[in-house]
Amino acid sequence: MNKLTHITTSKKILGGVPTIKGTRIPVATIADFILHKKTSEIYKEFPGVTKAQVGDVRQFMIQRAS
């Protein structure tokens, strides 16, 4: 399993829901954009999110689906 350096969980942040590290953005929120083929909109809605972070969300989704 690859280390997803941009994904974190902490009970102190959103009760342990996986989030983008350093933010309170749930991975599920970004995953929803990806699933609906609206990746370019991620950067409009969340200007601080990087391509590397979105890449880790994609990997997270793949790992969860396996």
PDB file of N, CA and C in Angstrom:
ATOM      1  N   MET A   1       0.841  -1.175   0.000  1.00  0.00           N
ATOM      2  CA  MET A   1       0.000   0.000   0.000  1.00  0.00           C
ATOM      3  C   MET A   1       0.890   1.244   0.000  1.00  0.00           C
ATOM      4  N   ASN A   2       0.609   2.171  -0.903  1.00  0.00           N
ATOM      5  CA  ASN A   2       1.389   3.407  -0.989  1.00  0.00           C
ATOM      6  C   ASN A   2       1.063   4.331   0.172  1.00  0.00           C
ATOM      7  N   LYS A   3       2.072   5.053   0.609  1.00  0.00           N
ATOM      8  CA  LYS A   3       1.877   6.054   1.654  1.00  0.00           C
ATOM      9  C   LYS A   3       1.256   7.290   1.023  1.00  0.00           C
ATOM     10  N   LEU A   4       0.110   7.657   1.503  1.00  0.00           N
ATOM     11  CA  LEU A   4      -0.597   8.829   0.995  1.00  0.00           C
ATOM     12  C   LEU A   4      -0.252  10.011   1.896  1.00  0.00           C
ATOM     13  N   THR A   5       0.761  10.750   1.522  1.00  0.00           N
ATOM     14  CA  THR A   5       1.285  11.808   2.385  1.00  0.00           C
ATOM     15  C   THR A   5       0.348  12.998   2.524  1.00  0.00           C
ATOM     16  N   HIS A   6      -0.633  13.107   1.627  1.00  0.00           N
ATOM     17  CA  HIS A   6      -1.541  14.256   1.672  1.00  0.00           C
ATOM     18  C   HIS A   6      -2.888  13.933   2.308  1.00  0.00           C
ATOM     19  N   ILE A   7      -3.047  12.710   2.804  1.00  0.00           N
ATOM     20  CA  ILE A   7      -4.296  12.281   3.431  1.00  0.00           C
ATOM     21  C   ILE A   7      -4.011  11.980   4.898  1.00  0.00           C
ATOM     22  N   THR A   8      -4.909  12.430   5.761  1.00  0.00           N
ATOM     23  CA  THR A   8      -4.715  12.182   7.182  1.00  0.00           C
ATOM     24  C   THR A   8      -6.053  11.920   7.860  1.00  0.00           C
ATOM     25  N   THR A   9      -5.991  11.284   9.011  1.00  0.00           N
ATOM     26  CA  THR A   9      -7.171  11.125   9.858  1.00  0.00           C
ATOM     27  C   THR A   9      -6.780  11.475  11.281  1.00  0.00           C
ATOM     28  N   SER A  10      -7.674  12.161  11.952  1.00  0.00           N
ATOM     29  CA  SER A  10      -7.474  12.511  13.353  1.00  0.00           C
ATOM     30  C   SER A  10      -8.844  12.682  13.990  1.00  0.00           C
ATOM     31  N   LYS A  11      -9.029  12.084  15.141  1.00  0.00           N
ATOM     32  CA  LYS A  11     -10.311  12.234  15.834  1.00  0.00           C
ATOM     33  C   LYS A  11     -10.597  13.692  16.174  1.00  0.00           C
ATOM     34  N   LYS A  12      -9.547  14.514  16.205  1.00  0.00           N
ATOM     35  CA  LYS A  12      -9.714  15.935  16.524  1.00  0.00           C
ATOM     36  C   LYS A  12     -10.176  16.749  15.314  1.00  0.00           C
ATOM     37  N   ILE A  13     -10.087  16.172  14.115  1.00  0.00           N
ATOM     38  CA  ILE A  13     -10.500  16.868  12.893  1.00  0.00           C
ATOM     39  C   ILE A  13     -11.637  16.079  12.263  1.00  0.00           C
ATOM     40  N   LEU A  14     -12.809  16.651  12.277  1.00  0.00           N
ATOM     41  CA  LEU A  14     -14.008  16.046  11.691  1.00  0.00           C
ATOM     42  C   LEU A  14     -14.268  14.640  12.223  1.00  0.00           C
ATOM     43  N   GLY A  15     -13.913  14.404  13.472  1.00  0.00           N
ATOM     44  CA  GLY A  15     -14.208  13.130  14.115  1.00  0.00           C
ATOM     45  C   GLY A  15     -13.499  11.926  13.526  1.00  0.00           C
ATOM     46  N   GLY A  16     -12.392  12.156  12.832  1.00  0.00           N
ATOM     47  CA  GLY A  16     -11.621  11.050  12.274  1.00  0.00           C
ATOM     48  C   GLY A  16     -11.898  10.756  10.812  1.00  0.00           C
ATOM     49  N   VAL A  17     -12.727  11.575  10.190  1.00  0.00           N
ATOM     50  CA  VAL A  17     -12.993  11.427   8.755  1.00  0.00           C
ATOM     51  C   VAL A  17     -11.703  11.729   7.993  1.00  0.00           C
ATOM     52  N   PRO A  18     -11.332  10.933   6.992  1.00  0.00           N
ATOM     53  CA  PRO A  18     -10.130  11.236   6.207  1.00  0.00           C
ATOM     54  C   PRO A  18     -10.241  12.622   5.555  1.00  0.00           C
ATOM     55  N   THR A  19      -9.182  13.403   5.707  1.00  0.00           N
ATOM     56  CA  THR A  19      -9.154  14.762   5.168  1.00  0.00           C
ATOM     57  C   THR A  19      -7.856  15.004   4.416  1.00  0.00           C
ATOM     58  N   ILE A  20      -7.852  16.097   3.649  1.00  0.00           N
ATOM     59  CA  ILE A  20      -6.623  16.566   3.022  1.00  0.00           C
ATOM     60  C   ILE A  20      -5.769  17.149   4.144  1.00  0.00           C
ATOM     61  N   LYS A  21      -4.546  16.671   4.269  1.00  0.00           N
ATOM     62  CA  LYS A  21      -3.649  17.099   5.343  1.00  0.00           C
ATOM     63  C   LYS A  21      -3.511  18.618   5.369  1.00  0.00           C
ATOM     64  N   GLY A  22      -3.630  19.195   6.574  1.00  0.00           N
ATOM     65  CA  GLY A  22      -3.494  20.637   6.752  1.00  0.00           C
ATOM     66  C   GLY A  22      -4.768  21.413   6.467  1.00  0.00           C
ATOM     67  N   THR A  23      -5.857  20.678   6.183  1.00  0.00           N
ATOM     68  CA  THR A  23      -7.143  21.321   5.906  1.00  0.00           C
ATOM     69  C   THR A  23      -8.243  20.594   6.673  1.00  0.00           C
ATOM     70  N   ARG A  24      -9.448  21.091   6.517  1.00  0.00           N
ATOM     71  CA  ARG A  24     -10.625  20.396   7.033  1.00  0.00           C
ATOM     72  C   ARG A  24     -11.489  19.914   5.860  1.00  0.00           C
ATOM     73  N   ILE A  25     -10.854  19.723   4.713  1.00  0.00           N
ATOM     74  CA  ILE A  25     -11.573  19.273   3.520  1.00  0.00           C
ATOM     75  C   ILE A  25     -11.625  17.743   3.534  1.00  0.00           C
ATOM     76  N   PRO A  26     -12.818  17.173   3.617  1.00  0.00           N
ATOM     77  CA  PRO A  26     -12.928  15.715   3.607  1.00  0.00           C
ATOM     78  C   PRO A  26     -12.501  15.124   2.263  1.00  0.00           C
ATOM     79  N   VAL A  27     -11.828  14.008   2.324  1.00  0.00           N
ATOM     80  CA  VAL A  27     -11.440  13.286   1.116  1.00  0.00           C
ATOM     81  C   VAL A  27     -12.687  12.972   0.287  1.00  0.00           C
ATOM     82  N   ALA A  28     -13.779  12.638   0.945  1.00  0.00           N
ATOM     83  CA  ALA A  28     -15.019  12.301   0.235  1.00  0.00           C
ATOM     84  C   ALA A  28     -15.522  13.458  -0.622  1.00  0.00           C
ATOM     85  N   THR A  29     -15.295  14.679  -0.188  1.00  0.00           N
ATOM     86  CA  THR A  29     -15.722  15.844  -0.967  1.00  0.00           C
ATOM     87  C   THR A  29     -14.960  15.916  -2.278  1.00  0.00           C
ATOM     88  N   ILE A  30     -13.645  15.747  -2.204  1.00  0.00           N
ATOM     89  CA  ILE A  30     -12.819  15.778  -3.413  1.00  0.00           C
ATOM     90  C   ILE A  30     -13.130  14.558  -4.281  1.00  0.00           C
ATOM     91  N   ALA A  31     -13.328  13.409  -3.655  1.00  0.00           N
ATOM     92  CA  ALA A  31     -13.659  12.188  -4.394  1.00  0.00           C
ATOM     93  C   ALA A  31     -14.957  12.361  -5.177  1.00  0.00           C
ATOM     94  N   ASP A  32     -15.911  13.065  -4.605  1.00  0.00           N
ATOM     95  CA  ASP A  32     -17.179  13.306  -5.289  1.00  0.00           C
ATOM     96  C   ASP A  32     -16.965  14.097  -6.581  1.00  0.00           C
ATOM     97  N   PHE A  33     -16.110  15.116  -6.528  1.00  0.00           N
ATOM     98  CA  PHE A  33     -15.783  15.874  -7.741  1.00  0.00           C
ATOM     99  C   PHE A  33     -15.157  14.947  -8.788  1.00  0.00           C
ATOM    100  N   ILE A  34     -14.230  14.101  -8.344  1.00  0.00           N
ATOM    101  CA  ILE A  34     -13.546  13.186  -9.264  1.00  0.00           C
ATOM    102  C   ILE A  34     -14.548  12.213  -9.895  1.00  0.00           C
ATOM    103  N   LEU A  35     -15.411  11.638  -9.079  1.00  0.00           N
ATOM    104  CA  LEU A  35     -16.389  10.666  -9.579  1.00  0.00           C
ATOM    105  C   LEU A  35     -17.356  11.273 -10.587  1.00  0.00           C
ATOM    106  N   HIS A  36     -17.616  12.558 -10.443  1.00  0.00           N
ATOM    107  CA  HIS A  36     -18.534  13.240 -11.361  1.00  0.00           C
ATOM    108  C   HIS A  36     -17.797  13.967 -12.483  1.00  0.00           C
ATOM    109  N   LYS A  37     -16.522  13.593 -12.673  1.00  0.00           N
ATOM    110  CA  LYS A  37     -15.685  14.135 -13.757  1.00  0.00           C
ATOM    111  C   LYS A  37     -15.628  15.665 -13.748  1.00  0.00           C
ATOM    112  N   LYS A  38     -15.510  16.210 -12.549  1.00  0.00           N
ATOM    113  CA  LYS A  38     -15.432  17.664 -12.396  1.00  0.00           C
ATOM    114  C   LYS A  38     -14.126  18.059 -11.714  1.00  0.00           C
ATOM    115  N   THR A  39     -13.054  17.376 -12.081  1.00  0.00           N
ATOM    116  CA  THR A  39     -11.761  17.613 -11.436  1.00  0.00           C
ATOM    117  C   THR A  39     -11.326  19.064 -11.544  1.00  0.00           C
ATOM    118  N   SER A  40     -11.531  19.690 -12.688  1.00  0.00           N
ATOM    119  CA  SER A  40     -11.096  21.083 -12.853  1.00  0.00           C
ATOM    120  C   SER A  40     -11.826  22.017 -11.893  1.00  0.00           C
ATOM    121  N   GLU A  41     -13.036  21.649 -11.496  1.00  0.00           N
ATOM    122  CA  GLU A  41     -13.794  22.480 -10.563  1.00  0.00           C
ATOM    123  C   GLU A  41     -13.239  22.416  -9.144  1.00  0.00           C
ATOM    124  N   ILE A  42     -12.491  21.357  -8.829  1.00  0.00           N
ATOM    125  CA  ILE A  42     -11.889  21.244  -7.499  1.00  0.00           C
ATOM    126  C   ILE A  42     -11.046  22.477  -7.219  1.00  0.00           C
ATOM    127  N   TYR A  43     -10.244  22.867  -8.203  1.00  0.00           N
ATOM    128  CA  TYR A  43      -9.301  23.969  -8.013  1.00  0.00           C
ATOM    129  C   TYR A  43     -10.006  25.319  -7.932  1.00  0.00           C
ATOM    130  N   LYS A  44     -11.202  25.410  -8.486  1.00  0.00           N
ATOM    131  CA  LYS A  44     -11.998  26.639  -8.364  1.00  0.00           C
ATOM    132  C   LYS A  44     -12.650  26.718  -6.991  1.00  0.00           C
ATOM    133  N   GLU A  45     -13.206  25.605  -6.547  1.00  0.00           N
ATOM    134  CA  GLU A  45     -13.891  25.558  -5.251  1.00  0.00           C
ATOM    135  C   GLU A  45     -12.917  25.581  -4.072  1.00  0.00           C
ATOM    136  N   PHE A  46     -11.759  24.956  -4.262  1.00  0.00           N
ATOM    137  CA  PHE A  46     -10.756  24.835  -3.204  1.00  0.00           C
ATOM    138  C   PHE A  46      -9.403  25.265  -3.761  1.00  0.00           C
ATOM    139  N   PRO A  47      -9.171  26.575  -3.904  1.00  0.00           N
ATOM    140  CA  PRO A  47      -7.957  27.062  -4.575  1.00  0.00           C
ATOM    141  C   PRO A  47      -6.646  26.622  -3.924  1.00  0.00           C
ATOM    142  N   GLY A  48      -6.665  26.253  -2.666  1.00  0.00           N
ATOM    143  CA  GLY A  48      -5.442  25.824  -1.995  1.00  0.00           C
ATOM    144  C   GLY A  48      -5.082  24.368  -2.226  1.00  0.00           C
ATOM    145  N   VAL A  49      -5.987  23.606  -2.821  1.00  0.00           N
ATOM    146  CA  VAL A  49      -5.745  22.183  -3.059  1.00  0.00           C
ATOM    147  C   VAL A  49      -4.814  22.021  -4.257  1.00  0.00           C
ATOM    148  N   THR A  50      -3.825  21.139  -4.102  1.00  0.00           N
ATOM    149  CA  THR A  50      -2.827  20.928  -5.151  1.00  0.00           C
ATOM    150  C   THR A  50      -3.124  19.665  -5.963  1.00  0.00           C
ATOM    151  N   LYS A  51      -2.457  19.555  -7.099  1.00  0.00           N
ATOM    152  CA  LYS A  51      -2.597  18.356  -7.931  1.00  0.00           C
ATOM    153  C   LYS A  51      -2.092  17.121  -7.190  1.00  0.00           C
ATOM    154  N   ALA A  52      -1.055  17.293  -6.392  1.00  0.00           N
ATOM    155  CA  ALA A  52      -0.526  16.168  -5.614  1.00  0.00           C
ATOM    156  C   ALA A  52      -1.564  15.679  -4.603  1.00  0.00           C
ATOM    157  N   GLN A  53      -2.281  16.599  -3.988  1.00  0.00           N
ATOM    158  CA  GLN A  53      -3.323  16.216  -3.034  1.00  0.00           C
ATOM    159  C   GLN A  53      -4.453  15.473  -3.741  1.00  0.00           C
ATOM    160  N   VAL A  54      -4.859  15.969  -4.893  1.00  0.00           N
ATOM    161  CA  VAL A  54      -5.906  15.299  -5.667  1.00  0.00           C
ATOM    162  C   VAL A  54      -5.421  13.916  -6.103  1.00  0.00           C
ATOM    163  N   GLY A  55      -4.153  13.811  -6.453  1.00  0.00           N
ATOM    164  CA  GLY A  55      -3.582  12.513  -6.808  1.00  0.00           C
ATOM    165  C   GLY A  55      -3.667  11.523  -5.665  1.00  0.00           C
ATOM    166  N   ASP A  56      -3.398  11.996  -4.463  1.00  0.00           N
ATOM    167  CA  ASP A  56      -3.510  11.113  -3.300  1.00  0.00           C
ATOM    168  C   ASP A  56      -4.962  10.708  -3.053  1.00  0.00           C
ATOM    169  N   VAL A  57      -5.894  11.608  -3.295  1.00  0.00           N
ATOM    170  CA  VAL A  57      -7.308  11.245  -3.160  1.00  0.00           C
ATOM    171  C   VAL A  57      -7.650  10.142  -4.157  1.00  0.00           C
ATOM    172  N   ARG A  58      -7.163  10.266  -5.382  1.00  0.00           N
ATOM    173  CA  ARG A  58      -7.399   9.218  -6.390  1.00  0.00           C
ATOM    174  C   ARG A  58      -6.840   7.874  -5.902  1.00  0.00           C
ATOM    175  N   GLN A  59      -5.617   7.887  -5.379  1.00  0.00           N
ATOM    176  CA  GLN A  59      -5.005   6.654  -4.874  1.00  0.00           C
ATOM    177  C   GLN A  59      -5.793   6.100  -3.692  1.00  0.00           C
ATOM    178  N   PHE A  60      -6.263   6.976  -2.826  1.00  0.00           N
ATOM    179  CA  PHE A  60      -7.081   6.581  -1.683  1.00  0.00           C
ATOM    180  C   PHE A  60      -8.337   5.862  -2.176  1.00  0.00           C
ATOM    181  N   MET A  61      -8.967   6.425  -3.205  1.00  0.00           N
ATOM    182  CA  MET A  61     -10.174   5.822  -3.772  1.00  0.00           C
ATOM    183  C   MET A  61      -9.876   4.432  -4.335  1.00  0.00           C
ATOM    184  N   ILE A  62      -8.765   4.301  -5.031  1.00  0.00           N
ATOM    185  CA  ILE A  62      -8.374   3.014  -5.620  1.00  0.00           C
ATOM    186  C   ILE A  62      -8.119   1.987  -4.523  1.00  0.00           C
ATOM    187  N   GLN A  63      -7.395   2.404  -3.486  1.00  0.00           N
ATOM    188  CA  GLN A  63      -7.086   1.487  -2.391  1.00  0.00           C
ATOM    189  C   GLN A  63      -8.349   1.040  -1.669  1.00  0.00           C
ATOM    190  N   ARG A  64      -9.283   1.955  -1.489  1.00  0.00           N
ATOM    191  CA  ARG A  64     -10.533   1.606  -0.806  1.00  0.00           C
ATOM    192  C   ARG A  64     -11.390   0.670  -1.645  1.00  0.00           C
ATOM    193  N   ALA A  65     -11.292   0.810  -2.966  1.00  0.00           N
ATOM    194  CA  ALA A  65     -12.094  -0.022  -3.870  1.00  0.00           C
ATOM    195  C   ALA A  65     -11.524  -1.435  -4.008  1.00  0.00           C
ATOM    196  N   SER A  66     -10.242  -1.584  -3.693  1.00  0.00           N
ATOM    197  CA  SER A  66      -9.581  -2.899  -3.855  1.00  0.00           C
ATOM    198  C   SER A  66      -9.984  -3.872  -2.775  1.00  0.00           C
TER     199      SER A  66
END
